[in-house]
């Protein structure tokens, strides 16, 4: 079995190692989770009467800087990526 795989980014594809591909997928999933929390907290602060954009940004930044939050985001992304690949490998058999 080859230790290289194709990574598709936009219209280009690159040959990378499996570990690099999985690590990049974890980083992307973590970034998307952080962005989702950003949207939720920003909308919450913008839609409340006494809050605004800058206060929402400060709330999100204080939230995302917590090590337990970052650890949970990364751990969830890692477990998800590993589970998806494990499930895909079991379906091929």
PDB file of N, CA and C in Angstrom:
ATOM      1  N   UNK A   1       0.836  -1.168   0.000  1.00  0.00           N
ATOM      2  CA  UNK A   1       0.000   0.000   0.000  1.00  0.00           C
ATOM      3  C   UNK A   1       0.885   1.238   0.000  1.00  0.00           C
ATOM      4  N   UNK A   2       0.543   2.201  -0.807  1.00  0.00           N
ATOM      5  CA  UNK A   2       1.337   3.407  -0.954  1.00  0.00           C
ATOM      6  C   UNK A   2       1.158   4.323   0.253  1.00  0.00           C
ATOM      7  N   UNK A   3       2.232   5.026   0.613  1.00  0.00           N
ATOM      8  CA  UNK A   3       2.130   5.976   1.711  1.00  0.00           C
ATOM      9  C   UNK A   3       1.870   7.387   1.199  1.00  0.00           C
ATOM     10  N   UNK A   4       1.566   7.537  -0.089  1.00  0.00           N
ATOM     11  CA  UNK A   4       1.260   8.831  -0.692  1.00  0.00           C
ATOM     12  C   UNK A   4      -0.204   8.843  -1.115  1.00  0.00           C
ATOM     13  N   UNK A   5      -0.791  10.013  -1.107  1.00  0.00           N
ATOM     14  CA  UNK A   5      -2.178  10.181  -1.515  1.00  0.00           C
ATOM     15  C   UNK A   5      -2.334  11.539  -2.183  1.00  0.00           C
ATOM     16  N   UNK A   6      -3.455  11.737  -2.818  1.00  0.00           N
ATOM     17  CA  UNK A   6      -3.721  12.994  -3.510  1.00  0.00           C
ATOM     18  C   UNK A   6      -4.479  13.935  -2.578  1.00  0.00           C
ATOM     19  N   UNK A   7      -4.037  15.181  -2.522  1.00  0.00           N
ATOM     20  CA  UNK A   7      -4.699  16.225  -1.759  1.00  0.00           C
ATOM     21  C   UNK A   7      -5.263  17.221  -2.753  1.00  0.00           C
ATOM     22  N   UNK A   8      -6.574  17.358  -2.766  1.00  0.00           N
ATOM     23  CA  UNK A   8      -7.229  18.269  -3.707  1.00  0.00           C
ATOM     24  C   UNK A   8      -7.513  19.596  -3.010  1.00  0.00           C
ATOM     25  N   UNK A   9      -6.926  20.657  -3.547  1.00  0.00           N
ATOM     26  CA  UNK A   9      -7.165  22.008  -3.062  1.00  0.00           C
ATOM     27  C   UNK A   9      -7.603  22.862  -4.245  1.00  0.00           C
ATOM     28  N   UNK A  10      -8.865  23.207  -4.263  1.00  0.00           N
ATOM     29  CA  UNK A  10      -9.384  23.947  -5.409  1.00  0.00           C
ATOM     30  C   UNK A  10      -9.380  23.076  -6.641  1.00  0.00           C
ATOM     31  N   UNK A  11      -8.800  23.566  -7.708  1.00  0.00           N
ATOM     32  CA  UNK A  11      -8.714  22.796  -8.942  1.00  0.00           C
ATOM     33  C   UNK A  11      -7.392  22.054  -9.085  1.00  0.00           C
ATOM     34  N   UNK A  12      -6.527  22.198  -8.113  1.00  0.00           N
ATOM     35  CA  UNK A  12      -5.223  21.534  -8.151  1.00  0.00           C
ATOM     36  C   UNK A  12      -5.216  20.335  -7.220  1.00  0.00           C
ATOM     37  N   UNK A  13      -4.379  19.372  -7.538  1.00  0.00           N
ATOM     38  CA  UNK A  13      -4.180  18.243  -6.639  1.00  0.00           C
ATOM     39  C   UNK A  13      -2.679  18.032  -6.469  1.00  0.00           C
ATOM     40  N   UNK A  14      -2.312  17.668  -5.256  1.00  0.00           N
ATOM     41  CA  UNK A  14      -0.921  17.499  -4.907  1.00  0.00           C
ATOM     42  C   UNK A  14      -0.711  16.114  -4.323  1.00  0.00           C
ATOM     43  N   UNK A  15       0.431  15.535  -4.583  1.00  0.00           N
ATOM     44  CA  UNK A  15       0.787  14.256  -4.002  1.00  0.00           C
ATOM     45  C   UNK A  15       1.492  14.525  -2.672  1.00  0.00           C
ATOM     46  N   UNK A  16       0.865  14.069  -1.580  1.00  0.00           N
ATOM     47  CA  UNK A  16       1.411  14.284  -0.243  1.00  0.00           C
ATOM     48  C   UNK A  16       1.339  12.977   0.534  1.00  0.00           C
ATOM     49  N   UNK A  17       2.026  12.931   1.649  1.00  0.00           N
ATOM     50  CA  UNK A  17       1.951  11.737   2.497  1.00  0.00           C
ATOM     51  C   UNK A  17       0.599  11.694   3.199  1.00  0.00           C
ATOM     52  N   UNK A  18       0.196  10.508   3.614  1.00  0.00           N
ATOM     53  CA  UNK A  18      -1.092  10.353   4.295  1.00  0.00           C
ATOM     54  C   UNK A  18      -1.121  11.147   5.597  1.00  0.00           C
ATOM     55  N   UNK A  19      -0.028  11.167   6.318  1.00  0.00           N
ATOM     56  CA  UNK A  19       0.032  11.899   7.574  1.00  0.00           C
ATOM     57  C   UNK A  19      -0.155  13.402   7.344  1.00  0.00           C
ATOM     58  N   UNK A  20       0.468  13.929   6.299  1.00  0.00           N
ATOM     59  CA  UNK A  20       0.322  15.343   5.975  1.00  0.00           C
ATOM     60  C   UNK A  20      -1.121  15.666   5.613  1.00  0.00           C
ATOM     61  N   UNK A  21      -1.749  14.805   4.841  1.00  0.00           N
ATOM     62  CA  UNK A  21      -3.136  15.022   4.438  1.00  0.00           C
ATOM     63  C   UNK A  21      -4.056  15.022   5.659  1.00  0.00           C
ATOM     64  N   UNK A  22      -3.869  14.060   6.546  1.00  0.00           N
ATOM     65  CA  UNK A  22      -4.719  13.986   7.733  1.00  0.00           C
ATOM     66  C   UNK A  22      -4.480  15.168   8.664  1.00  0.00           C
ATOM     67  N   UNK A  23      -3.230  15.582   8.805  1.00  0.00           N
ATOM     68  CA  UNK A  23      -2.926  16.739   9.646  1.00  0.00           C
ATOM     69  C   UNK A  23      -3.574  17.996   9.074  1.00  0.00           C
ATOM     70  N   UNK A  24      -3.519  18.169   7.767  1.00  0.00           N
ATOM     71  CA  UNK A  24      -4.149  19.323   7.136  1.00  0.00           C
ATOM     72  C   UNK A  24      -5.669  19.272   7.295  1.00  0.00           C
ATOM     73  N   UNK A  25      -6.242  18.098   7.205  1.00  0.00           N
ATOM     74  CA  UNK A  25      -7.686  17.969   7.419  1.00  0.00           C
ATOM     75  C   UNK A  25      -8.066  18.328   8.852  1.00  0.00           C
ATOM     76  N   UNK A  26      -7.244  17.973   9.812  1.00  0.00           N
ATOM     77  CA  UNK A  26      -7.501  18.330  11.204  1.00  0.00           C
ATOM     78  C   UNK A  26      -7.411  19.833  11.389  1.00  0.00           C
ATOM     79  N   UNK A  27      -6.422  20.459  10.779  1.00  0.00           N
ATOM     80  CA  UNK A  27      -6.274  21.920  10.878  1.00  0.00           C
ATOM     81  C   UNK A  27      -7.474  22.626  10.241  1.00  0.00           C
ATOM     82  N   UNK A  28      -7.919  22.153   9.093  1.00  0.00           N
ATOM     83  CA  UNK A  28      -9.068  22.759   8.416  1.00  0.00           C
ATOM     84  C   UNK A  28     -10.334  22.592   9.244  1.00  0.00           C
ATOM     85  N   UNK A  29     -10.553  21.396   9.789  1.00  0.00           N
ATOM     86  CA  UNK A  29     -11.738  21.165  10.620  1.00  0.00           C
ATOM     87  C   UNK A  29     -11.708  22.028  11.874  1.00  0.00           C
ATOM     88  N   UNK A  30     -10.536  22.194  12.475  1.00  0.00           N
ATOM     89  CA  UNK A  30     -10.413  23.051  13.657  1.00  0.00           C
ATOM     90  C   UNK A  30     -10.695  24.504  13.304  1.00  0.00           C
ATOM     91  N   UNK A  31     -10.191  24.945  12.164  1.00  0.00           N
ATOM     92  CA  UNK A  31     -10.449  26.315  11.718  1.00  0.00           C
ATOM     93  C   UNK A  31     -11.923  26.565  11.435  1.00  0.00           C
ATOM     94  N   UNK A  32     -12.581  25.596  10.826  1.00  0.00           N
ATOM     95  CA  UNK A  32     -14.015  25.738  10.566  1.00  0.00           C
ATOM     96  C   UNK A  32     -14.818  25.780  11.860  1.00  0.00           C
ATOM     97  N   UNK A  33     -14.417  25.007  12.852  1.00  0.00           N
ATOM     98  CA  UNK A  33     -15.092  25.040  14.149  1.00  0.00           C
ATOM     99  C   UNK A  33     -14.888  26.383  14.831  1.00  0.00           C
ATOM    100  N   UNK A  34     -13.673  26.900  14.777  1.00  0.00           N
ATOM    101  CA  UNK A  34     -13.401  28.221  15.363  1.00  0.00           C
ATOM    102  C   UNK A  34     -14.201  29.295  14.642  1.00  0.00           C
ATOM    103  N   UNK A  35     -14.327  29.183  13.323  1.00  0.00           N
ATOM    104  CA  UNK A  35     -15.115  30.149  12.557  1.00  0.00           C
ATOM    105  C   UNK A  35     -16.602  30.054  12.908  1.00  0.00           C
ATOM    106  N   UNK A  36     -17.098  28.843  13.117  1.00  0.00           N
ATOM    107  CA  UNK A  36     -18.502  28.677  13.500  1.00  0.00           C
ATOM    108  C   UNK A  36     -18.773  29.326  14.859  1.00  0.00           C
ATOM    109  N   UNK A  37     -17.872  29.136  15.822  1.00  0.00           N
ATOM    110  CA  UNK A  37     -18.051  29.792  17.118  1.00  0.00           C
ATOM    111  C   UNK A  37     -17.952  31.300  16.985  1.00  0.00           C
ATOM    112  N   UNK A  38     -17.081  31.765  16.085  1.00  0.00           N
ATOM    113  CA  UNK A  38     -16.974  33.195  15.823  1.00  0.00           C
ATOM    114  C   UNK A  38     -18.309  33.747  15.331  1.00  0.00           C
ATOM    115  N   UNK A  39     -18.907  33.076  14.366  1.00  0.00           N
ATOM    116  CA  UNK A  39     -20.192  33.545  13.831  1.00  0.00           C
ATOM    117  C   UNK A  39     -21.277  33.550  14.900  1.00  0.00           C
ATOM    118  N   UNK A  40     -21.341  32.496  15.698  1.00  0.00           N
ATOM    119  CA  UNK A  40     -22.368  32.420  16.737  1.00  0.00           C
ATOM    120  C   UNK A  40     -22.188  33.534  17.756  1.00  0.00           C
ATOM    121  N   UNK A  41     -20.972  33.716  18.245  1.00  0.00           N
ATOM    122  CA  UNK A  41     -20.727  34.759  19.248  1.00  0.00           C
ATOM    123  C   UNK A  41     -20.891  36.163  18.675  1.00  0.00           C
ATOM    124  N   UNK A  42     -20.471  36.367  17.436  1.00  0.00           N
ATOM    125  CA  UNK A  42     -20.628  37.692  16.824  1.00  0.00           C
ATOM    126  C   UNK A  42     -22.099  38.024  16.614  1.00  0.00           C
ATOM    127  N   UNK A  43     -22.853  37.088  16.076  1.00  0.00           N
ATOM    128  CA  UNK A  43     -24.278  37.345  15.875  1.00  0.00           C
ATOM    129  C   UNK A  43     -24.993  37.583  17.197  1.00  0.00           C
ATOM    130  N   UNK A  44     -24.616  36.849  18.211  1.00  0.00           N
ATOM    131  CA  UNK A  44     -25.217  37.043  19.523  1.00  0.00           C
ATOM    132  C   UNK A  44     -24.922  38.448  20.049  1.00  0.00           C
ATOM    133  N   UNK A  45     -23.679  38.902  19.922  1.00  0.00           N
ATOM    134  CA  UNK A  45     -23.320  40.215  20.446  1.00  0.00           C
ATOM    135  C   UNK A  45     -23.840  41.356  19.578  1.00  0.00           C
ATOM    136  N   UNK A  46     -23.927  41.157  18.284  1.00  0.00           N
ATOM    137  CA  UNK A  46     -24.435  42.218  17.407  1.00  0.00           C
ATOM    138  C   UNK A  46     -25.943  42.376  17.584  1.00  0.00           C
ATOM    139  N   UNK A  47     -26.643  41.275  17.805  1.00  0.00           N
ATOM    140  CA  UNK A  47     -28.097  41.336  17.906  1.00  0.00           C
ATOM    141  C   UNK A  47     -28.598  41.764  19.275  1.00  0.00           C
ATOM    142  N   UNK A  48     -27.751  41.744  20.298  1.00  0.00           N
ATOM    143  CA  UNK A  48     -28.185  42.252  21.602  1.00  0.00           C
ATOM    144  C   UNK A  48     -28.048  43.759  21.623  1.00  0.00           C
ATOM    145  N   UNK A  49     -28.869  44.404  22.404  1.00  0.00           N
ATOM    146  CA  UNK A  49     -28.984  45.864  22.357  1.00  0.00           C
ATOM    147  C   UNK A  49     -27.722  46.597  22.797  1.00  0.00           C
ATOM    148  N   UNK A  50     -27.023  46.102  23.823  1.00  0.00           N
ATOM    149  CA  UNK A  50     -25.884  46.842  24.358  1.00  0.00           C
ATOM    150  C   UNK A  50     -24.543  46.392  23.814  1.00  0.00           C
ATOM    151  N   UNK A  51     -24.538  45.477  22.923  1.00  0.00           N
ATOM    152  CA  UNK A  51     -23.285  44.944  22.405  1.00  0.00           C
ATOM    153  C   UNK A  51     -23.080  45.375  20.964  1.00  0.00           C
ATOM    154  N   UNK A  52     -21.884  45.138  20.466  1.00  0.00           N
ATOM    155  CA  UNK A  52     -21.583  45.478  19.087  1.00  0.00           C
ATOM    156  C   UNK A  52     -20.515  44.574  18.522  1.00  0.00           C
ATOM    157  N   UNK A  53     -20.028  44.942  17.355  1.00  0.00           N
ATOM    158  CA  UNK A  53     -19.035  44.139  16.647  1.00  0.00           C
ATOM    159  C   UNK A  53     -17.745  44.009  17.437  1.00  0.00           C
ATOM    160  N   UNK A  54     -17.224  45.119  17.952  1.00  0.00           N
ATOM    161  CA  UNK A  54     -15.932  45.063  18.652  1.00  0.00           C
ATOM    162  C   UNK A  54     -16.019  44.257  19.941  1.00  0.00           C
ATOM    163  N   UNK A  55     -17.121  44.381  20.661  1.00  0.00           N
ATOM    164  CA  UNK A  55     -17.270  43.606  21.883  1.00  0.00           C
ATOM    165  C   UNK A  55     -17.440  42.117  21.551  1.00  0.00           C
ATOM    166  N   UNK A  56     -18.119  41.820  20.460  1.00  0.00           N
ATOM    167  CA  UNK A  56     -18.258  40.431  20.029  1.00  0.00           C
ATOM    168  C   UNK A  56     -16.920  39.821  19.665  1.00  0.00           C
ATOM    169  N   UNK A  57     -16.075  40.600  19.005  1.00  0.00           N
ATOM    170  CA  UNK A  57     -14.736  40.134  18.663  1.00  0.00           C
ATOM    171  C   UNK A  57     -13.907  39.859  19.920  1.00  0.00           C
ATOM    172  N   UNK A  58     -14.029  40.717  20.913  1.00  0.00           N
ATOM    173  CA  UNK A  58     -13.305  40.524  22.167  1.00  0.00           C
ATOM    174  C   UNK A  58     -13.789  39.280  22.910  1.00  0.00           C
ATOM    175  N   UNK A  59     -15.104  39.068  22.900  1.00  0.00           N
ATOM    176  CA  UNK A  59     -15.663  37.883  23.555  1.00  0.00           C
ATOM    177  C   UNK A  59     -15.174  36.618  22.863  1.00  0.00           C
ATOM    178  N   UNK A  60     -15.204  36.607  21.536  1.00  0.00           N
ATOM    179  CA  UNK A  60     -14.741  35.431  20.796  1.00  0.00           C
ATOM    180  C   UNK A  60     -13.259  35.185  21.032  1.00  0.00           C
ATOM    181  N   UNK A  61     -12.461  36.251  21.004  1.00  0.00           N
ATOM    182  CA  UNK A  61     -11.016  36.099  21.200  1.00  0.00           C
ATOM    183  C   UNK A  61     -10.704  35.553  22.590  1.00  0.00           C
ATOM    184  N   UNK A  62     -11.415  36.039  23.606  1.00  0.00           N
ATOM    185  CA  UNK A  62     -11.209  35.516  24.959  1.00  0.00           C
ATOM    186  C   UNK A  62     -11.636  34.055  25.044  1.00  0.00           C
ATOM    187  N   UNK A  63     -12.706  33.699  24.337  1.00  0.00           N
ATOM    188  CA  UNK A  63     -13.200  32.321  24.344  1.00  0.00           C
ATOM    189  C   UNK A  63     -12.228  31.386  23.635  1.00  0.00           C
ATOM    190  N   UNK A  64     -11.764  31.778  22.464  1.00  0.00           N
ATOM    191  CA  UNK A  64     -10.944  30.892  21.636  1.00  0.00           C
ATOM    192  C   UNK A  64      -9.525  30.752  22.185  1.00  0.00           C
ATOM    193  N   UNK A  65      -9.071  31.676  23.010  1.00  0.00           N
ATOM    194  CA  UNK A  65      -7.724  31.593  23.582  1.00  0.00           C
ATOM    195  C   UNK A  65      -7.614  30.593  24.718  1.00  0.00           C
ATOM    196  N   UNK A  66      -8.736  30.119  25.238  1.00  0.00           N
ATOM    197  CA  UNK A  66      -8.702  29.162  26.345  1.00  0.00           C
ATOM    198  C   UNK A  66      -8.139  27.834  25.846  1.00  0.00           C
ATOM    199  N   UNK A  67      -7.213  27.287  26.599  1.00  0.00           N
ATOM    200  CA  UNK A  67      -6.558  26.049  26.173  1.00  0.00           C
ATOM    201  C   UNK A  67      -7.525  24.868  26.159  1.00  0.00           C
ATOM    202  N   UNK A  68      -8.480  24.849  27.077  1.00  0.00           N
ATOM    203  CA  UNK A  68      -9.426  23.740  27.076  1.00  0.00           C
ATOM    204  C   UNK A  68     -10.341  23.788  25.859  1.00  0.00           C
ATOM    205  N   UNK A  69     -10.694  24.960  25.399  1.00  0.00           N
ATOM    206  CA  UNK A  69     -11.521  25.099  24.207  1.00  0.00           C
ATOM    207  C   UNK A  69     -10.732  24.655  22.979  1.00  0.00           C
ATOM    208  N   UNK A  70      -9.506  25.136  22.845  1.00  0.00           N
ATOM    209  CA  UNK A  70      -8.673  24.732  21.711  1.00  0.00           C
ATOM    210  C   UNK A  70      -8.406  23.228  21.726  1.00  0.00           C
ATOM    211  N   UNK A  71      -8.149  22.679  22.897  1.00  0.00           N
ATOM    212  CA  UNK A  71      -7.923  21.242  23.017  1.00  0.00           C
ATOM    213  C   UNK A  71      -9.141  20.437  22.602  1.00  0.00           C
ATOM    214  N   UNK A  72     -10.320  20.900  23.006  1.00  0.00           N
ATOM    215  CA  UNK A  72     -11.555  20.216  22.631  1.00  0.00           C
ATOM    216  C   UNK A  72     -11.785  20.282  21.130  1.00  0.00           C
ATOM    217  N   UNK A  73     -11.522  21.437  20.530  1.00  0.00           N
ATOM    218  CA  UNK A  73     -11.701  21.601  19.080  1.00  0.00           C
ATOM    219  C   UNK A  73     -10.767  20.649  18.330  1.00  0.00           C
ATOM    220  N   UNK A  74      -9.497  20.642  18.692  1.00  0.00           N
ATOM    221  CA  UNK A  74      -8.516  19.807  17.991  1.00  0.00           C
ATOM    222  C   UNK A  74      -8.787  18.327  18.239  1.00  0.00           C
ATOM    223  N   UNK A  75      -9.109  17.947  19.465  1.00  0.00           N
ATOM    224  CA  UNK A  75      -9.404  16.550  19.770  1.00  0.00           C
ATOM    225  C   UNK A  75     -10.620  16.056  18.991  1.00  0.00           C
ATOM    226  N   UNK A  76     -11.659  16.872  18.912  1.00  0.00           N
ATOM    227  CA  UNK A  76     -12.844  16.498  18.154  1.00  0.00           C
ATOM    228  C   UNK A  76     -12.511  16.322  16.680  1.00  0.00           C
ATOM    229  N   UNK A  77     -11.711  17.227  16.126  1.00  0.00           N
ATOM    230  CA  UNK A  77     -11.320  17.111  14.720  1.00  0.00           C
ATOM    231  C   UNK A  77     -10.483  15.854  14.491  1.00  0.00           C
ATOM    232  N   UNK A  78      -9.558  15.553  15.400  1.00  0.00           N
ATOM    233  CA  UNK A  78      -8.721  14.365  15.250  1.00  0.00           C
ATOM    234  C   UNK A  78      -9.566  13.092  15.293  1.00  0.00           C
ATOM    235  N   UNK A  79     -10.454  12.998  16.258  1.00  0.00           N
ATOM    236  CA  UNK A  79     -11.294  11.813  16.385  1.00  0.00           C
ATOM    237  C   UNK A  79     -12.175  11.651  15.152  1.00  0.00           C
ATOM    238  N   UNK A  80     -12.707  12.748  14.640  1.00  0.00           N
ATOM    239  CA  UNK A  80     -13.563  12.686  13.462  1.00  0.00           C
ATOM    240  C   UNK A  80     -12.793  12.201  12.241  1.00  0.00           C
ATOM    241  N   UNK A  81     -11.617  12.750  12.000  1.00  0.00           N
ATOM    242  CA  UNK A  81     -10.812  12.345  10.837  1.00  0.00           C
ATOM    243  C   UNK A  81     -10.398  10.879  10.957  1.00  0.00           C
ATOM    244  N   UNK A  82      -9.953  10.460  12.128  1.00  0.00           N
ATOM    245  CA  UNK A  82      -9.543   9.067  12.316  1.00  0.00           C
ATOM    246  C   UNK A  82     -10.737   8.134  12.130  1.00  0.00           C
ATOM    247  N   UNK A  83     -11.891   8.499  12.670  1.00  0.00           N
ATOM    248  CA  UNK A  83     -13.070   7.653  12.528  1.00  0.00           C
ATOM    249  C   UNK A  83     -13.502   7.526  11.079  1.00  0.00           C
ATOM    250  N   UNK A  84     -13.491   8.615  10.350  1.00  0.00           N
ATOM    251  CA  UNK A  84     -13.902   8.566   8.939  1.00  0.00           C
ATOM    252  C   UNK A  84     -12.973   7.660   8.140  1.00  0.00           C
ATOM    253  N   UNK A  85     -11.667   7.781   8.325  1.00  0.00           N
ATOM    254  CA  UNK A  85     -10.737   6.922   7.599  1.00  0.00           C
ATOM    255  C   UNK A  85     -10.843   5.472   8.053  1.00  0.00           C
ATOM    256  N   UNK A  86     -11.028   5.247   9.350  1.00  0.00           N
ATOM    257  CA  UNK A  86     -11.187   3.892   9.847  1.00  0.00           C
ATOM    258  C   UNK A  86     -12.444   3.256   9.252  1.00  0.00           C
ATOM    259  N   UNK A  87     -13.535   4.003   9.229  1.00  0.00           N
ATOM    260  CA  UNK A  87     -14.779   3.486   8.671  1.00  0.00           C
ATOM    261  C   UNK A  87     -14.643   3.210   7.189  1.00  0.00           C
ATOM    262  N   UNK A  88     -13.982   4.105   6.463  1.00  0.00           N
ATOM    263  CA  UNK A  88     -13.777   3.909   5.022  1.00  0.00           C
ATOM    264  C   UNK A  88     -12.931   2.667   4.760  1.00  0.00           C
ATOM    265  N   UNK A  89     -11.898   2.448   5.551  1.00  0.00           N
ATOM    266  CA  UNK A  89     -11.061   1.251   5.369  1.00  0.00           C
ATOM    267  C   UNK A  89     -11.838  -0.028   5.664  1.00  0.00           C
ATOM    268  N   UNK A  90     -12.722  -0.015   6.637  1.00  0.00           N
ATOM    269  CA  UNK A  90     -13.512  -1.200   6.958  1.00  0.00           C
ATOM    270  C   UNK A  90     -14.552  -1.488   5.880  1.00  0.00           C
ATOM    271  N   UNK A  91     -15.067  -0.447   5.211  1.00  0.00           N
ATOM    272  CA  UNK A  91     -16.051  -0.651   4.154  1.00  0.00           C
ATOM    273  C   UNK A  91     -15.415  -1.279   2.925  1.00  0.00           C
ATOM    274  N   UNK A  92     -14.150  -1.055   2.687  1.00  0.00           N
ATOM    275  CA  UNK A  92     -13.458  -1.595   1.515  1.00  0.00           C
ATOM    276  C   UNK A  92     -13.236  -3.090   1.624  1.00  0.00           C
ATOM    277  N   UNK A  93     -13.225  -3.620   2.825  1.00  0.00           N
ATOM    278  CA  UNK A  93     -12.941  -5.048   3.027  1.00  0.00           C
ATOM    279  C   UNK A  93     -14.098  -5.920   2.699  1.00  0.00           C
TER     280      UNK A  93
END
